[in-house]
C-alpha atoms as a PDB file:
ATOM      1  CA  MET A   1     171.341 -27.386 108.276  1.00  0.00           C
ATOM      2  CA  ALA A   2     169.356 -24.450 106.715  1.00  0.00           C
ATOM      3  CA  VAL A   3     170.889 -22.907 103.552  1.00  0.00           C
ATOM      4  CA  ASP A   4     173.620 -20.096 104.565  1.00  0.00           C
ATOM      5  CA  PRO A   5     173.617 -17.442 101.887  1.00  0.00           C
ATOM      6  CA  SER A   6     176.822 -16.360 102.941  1.00  0.00           C
ATOM      7  CA  MET A   7     178.427 -19.614 102.284  1.00  0.00           C
ATOM      8  CA  PRO A   8     181.233 -19.153  99.456  1.00  0.00           C
ATOM      9  CA  VAL A   9     179.578 -21.160  96.130  1.00  0.00           C
ATOM     10  CA  LEU A  10     181.796 -22.170  93.178  1.00  0.00           C
ATOM     11  CA  VAL A  11     180.121 -21.911  89.582  1.00  0.00           C
ATOM     12  CA  VAL A  12     181.988 -24.245  87.103  1.00  0.00           C
ATOM     13  CA  ASP A  13     181.245 -23.959  83.324  1.00  0.00           C
ATOM     14  CA  ASP A  14     183.334 -23.588  80.364  1.00  0.00           C
ATOM     15  CA  TYR A  15     180.504 -20.779  78.769  1.00  0.00           C
ATOM     16  CA  ARG A  16     181.163 -17.671  80.280  1.00  0.00           C
ATOM     17  CA  THR A  17     177.598 -16.427  79.548  1.00  0.00           C
ATOM     18  CA  MET A  18     176.242 -19.330  81.877  1.00  0.00           C
ATOM     19  CA  ILE A  19     178.335 -18.372  84.713  1.00  0.00           C
ATOM     20  CA  ARG A  20     177.046 -15.095  84.482  1.00  0.00           C
ATOM     21  CA  ILE A  21     173.846 -16.198  84.468  1.00  0.00           C
ATOM     22  CA  ILE A  22     174.110 -18.540  87.379  1.00  0.00           C
ATOM     23  CA  ARG A  23     176.061 -15.594  89.178  1.00  0.00           C
ATOM     24  CA  ASN A  24     173.288 -13.538  88.885  1.00  0.00           C
ATOM     25  CA  LEU A  25     170.444 -15.997  89.807  1.00  0.00           C
ATOM     26  CA  LEU A  26     172.603 -16.697  92.769  1.00  0.00           C
ATOM     27  CA  ARG A  27     172.946 -12.951  93.478  1.00  0.00           C
ATOM     28  CA  GLN A  28     168.881 -12.887  93.155  1.00  0.00           C
ATOM     29  CA  LEU A  29     168.718 -15.394  95.875  1.00  0.00           C
ATOM     30  CA  GLY A  30     170.956 -13.515  98.274  1.00  0.00           C
ATOM     31  CA  PHE A  31     174.236 -15.201  97.803  1.00  0.00           C
ATOM     32  CA  ALA A  32     177.511 -12.744  97.588  1.00  0.00           C
ATOM     33  CA  ASP A  33     180.296 -14.813  97.437  1.00  0.00           C
ATOM     34  CA  VAL A  34     180.247 -16.408  94.488  1.00  0.00           C
ATOM     35  CA  ASP A  35     183.340 -17.617  92.483  1.00  0.00           C
ATOM     36  CA  GLU A  36     183.839 -19.000  88.934  1.00  0.00           C
ATOM     37  CA  ALA A  37     186.317 -21.606  87.383  1.00  0.00           C
ATOM     38  CA  ASN A  38     185.867 -22.607  83.394  1.00  0.00           C
ATOM     39  CA  ASP A  39     186.814 -25.813  83.807  1.00  0.00           C
ATOM     40  CA  GLY A  40     186.801 -28.979  86.038  1.00  0.00           C
ATOM     41  CA  ALA A  41     190.994 -29.040  86.643  1.00  0.00           C
ATOM     42  CA  SER A  42     191.217 -25.122  87.652  1.00  0.00           C
ATOM     43  CA  ALA A  43     187.734 -26.066  89.775  1.00  0.00           C
ATOM     44  CA  LEU A  44     189.810 -28.799  91.159  1.00  0.00           C
ATOM     45  CA  THR A  45     192.450 -26.283  92.186  1.00  0.00           C
ATOM     46  CA  LYS A  46     190.354 -23.804  93.579  1.00  0.00           C
ATOM     47  CA  MET A  47     188.759 -26.204  95.733  1.00  0.00           C
ATOM     48  CA  ARG A  48     191.995 -27.644  97.204  1.00  0.00           C
ATOM     49  CA  SER A  49     192.710 -23.930  98.355  1.00  0.00           C
ATOM     50  CA  ARG A  50     189.164 -22.848  99.504  1.00  0.00           C
ATOM     51  CA  ARG A  51     186.594 -24.562 101.217  1.00  0.00           C
ATOM     52  CA  TYR A  52     183.048 -24.017  99.226  1.00  0.00           C
ATOM     53  CA  GLY A  53     179.433 -24.108 101.031  1.00  0.00           C
ATOM     54  CA  LEU A  54     178.152 -25.380  97.279  1.00  0.00           C
ATOM     55  CA  VAL A  55     179.349 -26.301  93.751  1.00  0.00           C
ATOM     56  CA  ILE A  56     177.395 -25.419  90.670  1.00  0.00           C
ATOM     57  CA  SER A  57     178.987 -27.390  87.653  1.00  0.00           C
ATOM     58  CA  ASP A  58     178.050 -27.911  84.483  1.00  0.00           C
ATOM     59  CA  TRP A  59     178.233 -31.569  82.908  1.00  0.00           C
ATOM     60  CA  ASN A  60     179.379 -30.790  79.466  1.00  0.00           C
ATOM     61  CA  MET A  61     183.035 -29.340  79.738  1.00  0.00           C
ATOM     62  CA  GLU A  62     186.125 -30.160  78.236  1.00  0.00           C
ATOM     63  CA  PRO A  63     188.988 -31.535  78.943  1.00  0.00           C
ATOM     64  CA  MET A  64     187.394 -32.470  82.581  1.00  0.00           C
ATOM     65  CA  THR A  65     183.417 -32.970  82.676  1.00  0.00           C
ATOM     66  CA  GLY A  66     181.554 -31.821  85.634  1.00  0.00           C
ATOM     67  CA  TYR A  67     180.899 -35.413  85.860  1.00  0.00           C
ATOM     68  CA  ASP A  68     184.838 -35.972  86.314  1.00  0.00           C
ATOM     69  CA  LEU A  69     185.050 -33.301  88.217  1.00  0.00           C
ATOM     70  CA  LEU A  70     182.307 -34.728  90.569  1.00  0.00           C
ATOM     71  CA  GLN A  71     184.147 -38.308  90.880  1.00  0.00           C
ATOM     72  CA  GLN A  72     187.413 -36.584  91.999  1.00  0.00           C
ATOM     73  CA  VAL A  73     185.601 -34.178  94.531  1.00  0.00           C
ATOM     74  CA  ARG A  74     183.879 -37.409  95.664  1.00  0.00           C
ATOM     75  CA  ALA A  75     187.205 -39.452  96.111  1.00  0.00           C
ATOM     76  CA  ASP A  76     189.134 -36.842  97.752  1.00  0.00           C
ATOM     77  CA  PRO A  77     188.654 -37.148 101.451  1.00  0.00           C
ATOM     78  CA  GLY A  78     189.184 -33.028 102.352  1.00  0.00           C
ATOM     79  CA  LEU A  79     186.457 -32.276  99.534  1.00  0.00           C
ATOM     80  CA  GLY A  80     184.084 -35.280  99.240  1.00  0.00           C
ATOM     81  CA  GLU A  81     181.444 -33.782 101.597  1.00  0.00           C
ATOM     82  CA  THR A  82     181.144 -30.797  99.351  1.00  0.00           C
ATOM     83  CA  PRO A  83     177.202 -30.151  98.354  1.00  0.00           C
ATOM     84  CA  PHE A  84     177.178 -30.538  94.654  1.00  0.00           C
ATOM     85  CA  ILE A  85     174.362 -29.798  91.998  1.00  0.00           C
ATOM     86  CA  MET A  86     174.950 -30.587  88.520  1.00  0.00           C
ATOM     87  CA  VAL A  87     174.019 -28.321  85.198  1.00  0.00           C
ATOM     88  CA  THR A  88     173.101 -30.069  82.087  1.00  0.00           C
ATOM     89  CA  ALA A  89     171.199 -29.256  78.845  1.00  0.00           C
ATOM     90  CA  GLU A  90     170.580 -32.969  78.865  1.00  0.00           C
ATOM     91  CA  SER A  91     167.717 -34.744  80.406  1.00  0.00           C
ATOM     92  CA  LYS A  92     169.263 -38.188  79.548  1.00  0.00           C
ATOM     93  CA  THR A  93     168.063 -40.731  82.337  1.00  0.00           C
ATOM     94  CA  GLU A  94     171.298 -42.398  81.897  1.00  0.00           C
ATOM     95  CA  ASN A  95     173.038 -39.235  83.232  1.00  0.00           C
ATOM     96  CA  VAL A  96     171.147 -38.730  85.752  1.00  0.00           C
ATOM     97  CA  ILE A  97     171.469 -42.112  87.177  1.00  0.00           C
ATOM     98  CA  ALA A  98     175.593 -41.988  86.643  1.00  0.00           C
ATOM     99  CA  ALA A  99     175.449 -38.580  88.331  1.00  0.00           C
ATOM    100  CA  LYS A 100     173.409 -39.940  91.251  1.00  0.00           C
ATOM    101  CA  LYS A 101     175.858 -43.131  91.635  1.00  0.00           C
ATOM    102  CA  ALA A 102     178.683 -40.721  91.546  1.00  0.00           C
ATOM    103  CA  GLY A 103     177.706 -38.933  94.559  1.00  0.00           C
ATOM    104  CA  VAL A 104     175.730 -35.396  93.200  1.00  0.00           C
ATOM    105  CA  ASN A 105     173.639 -33.732  95.520  1.00  0.00           C
ATOM    106  CA  ASN A 106     170.975 -32.468  92.722  1.00  0.00           C
ATOM    107  CA  TYR A 107     170.561 -32.084  89.269  1.00  0.00           C
ATOM    108  CA  ILE A 108     169.434 -29.144  87.204  1.00  0.00           C
ATOM    109  CA  VAL A 109     168.401 -29.017  83.656  1.00  0.00           C
ATOM    110  CA  LYS A 110     168.643 -26.110  81.587  1.00  0.00           C
ATOM    111  CA  PRO A 111     167.187 -23.908  80.862  1.00  0.00           C
ATOM    112  CA  PHE A 112     166.099 -22.915  84.688  1.00  0.00           C
ATOM    113  CA  ASN A 113     165.290 -19.783  86.455  1.00  0.00           C
ATOM    114  CA  ALA A 114     165.807 -18.424  90.157  1.00  0.00           C
ATOM    115  CA  GLN A 115     162.965 -20.331  91.716  1.00  0.00           C
ATOM    116  CA  THR A 116     164.261 -23.450  90.173  1.00  0.00           C
ATOM    117  CA  LEU A 117     167.705 -23.103  91.220  1.00  0.00           C
ATOM    118  CA  LYS A 118     166.326 -22.151  95.094  1.00  0.00           C
ATOM    119  CA  ALA A 119     164.443 -25.186  95.261  1.00  0.00           C
ATOM    120  CA  LYS A 120     167.598 -27.555  94.289  1.00  0.00           C
ATOM    121  CA  ILE A 121     169.611 -25.754  97.030  1.00  0.00           C
ATOM    122  CA  GLU A 122     167.295 -26.134  99.479  1.00  0.00           C
ATOM    123  CA  ALA A 123     166.784 -29.587  98.491  1.00  0.00           C
ATOM    124  CA  VAL A 124     170.374 -29.854  98.879  1.00  0.00           C
ATOM    125  CA  PHE A 125     170.630 -28.889 102.449  1.00  0.00           C
ATOM    126  CA  ALA A 126     167.191 -30.582 103.553  1.00  0.00           C
ATOM    127  CA  GLU A 127     169.320 -33.833 102.324  1.00  0.00           C
ATOM    128  CA  ASN A 128     172.363 -32.806 104.061  1.00  0.00           C
ATOM    129  CA  THR A 129     169.917 -32.050 107.699  1.00  0.00           C
ATOM    130  CA  GLU A 130     168.589 -35.461 107.328  1.00  0.00           C
ATOM    131  CA  ALA A 131     171.831 -37.236 107.026  1.00  0.00           C
ATOM    132  CA  ALA A 132     173.513 -35.670 109.923  1.00  0.00           C
ATOM    133  CA  PRO A 133     173.354 -37.534 113.261  1.00  0.00           C
END
């Protein structure tokens, strides 16, 4: 499946400035339908009321971390297939491994630019194509 810039994207971060940065990067890449949530719980609520083509979530949030959000999304039959990219300031190997085991589609370490984000998004959708029958 090719990347569809018209798909709705949900950006989850408890830091408003980071949401703004990611939203601007997504706009540069042609994504116009960008929604936001400032914590995992509100992200889950939004995901249950609207189908998103992609979720980009920060790892370090309170009270529900991005990792917790990922686990809940993957455990929910209605949301489990949603492409999910984790964003973090830490490149700890154990975090990357934990996120992969929990079913993350890709992982971005801050800081990053539009090219990095584009490559990660394209990799997620290339990966989904390979998995299709």
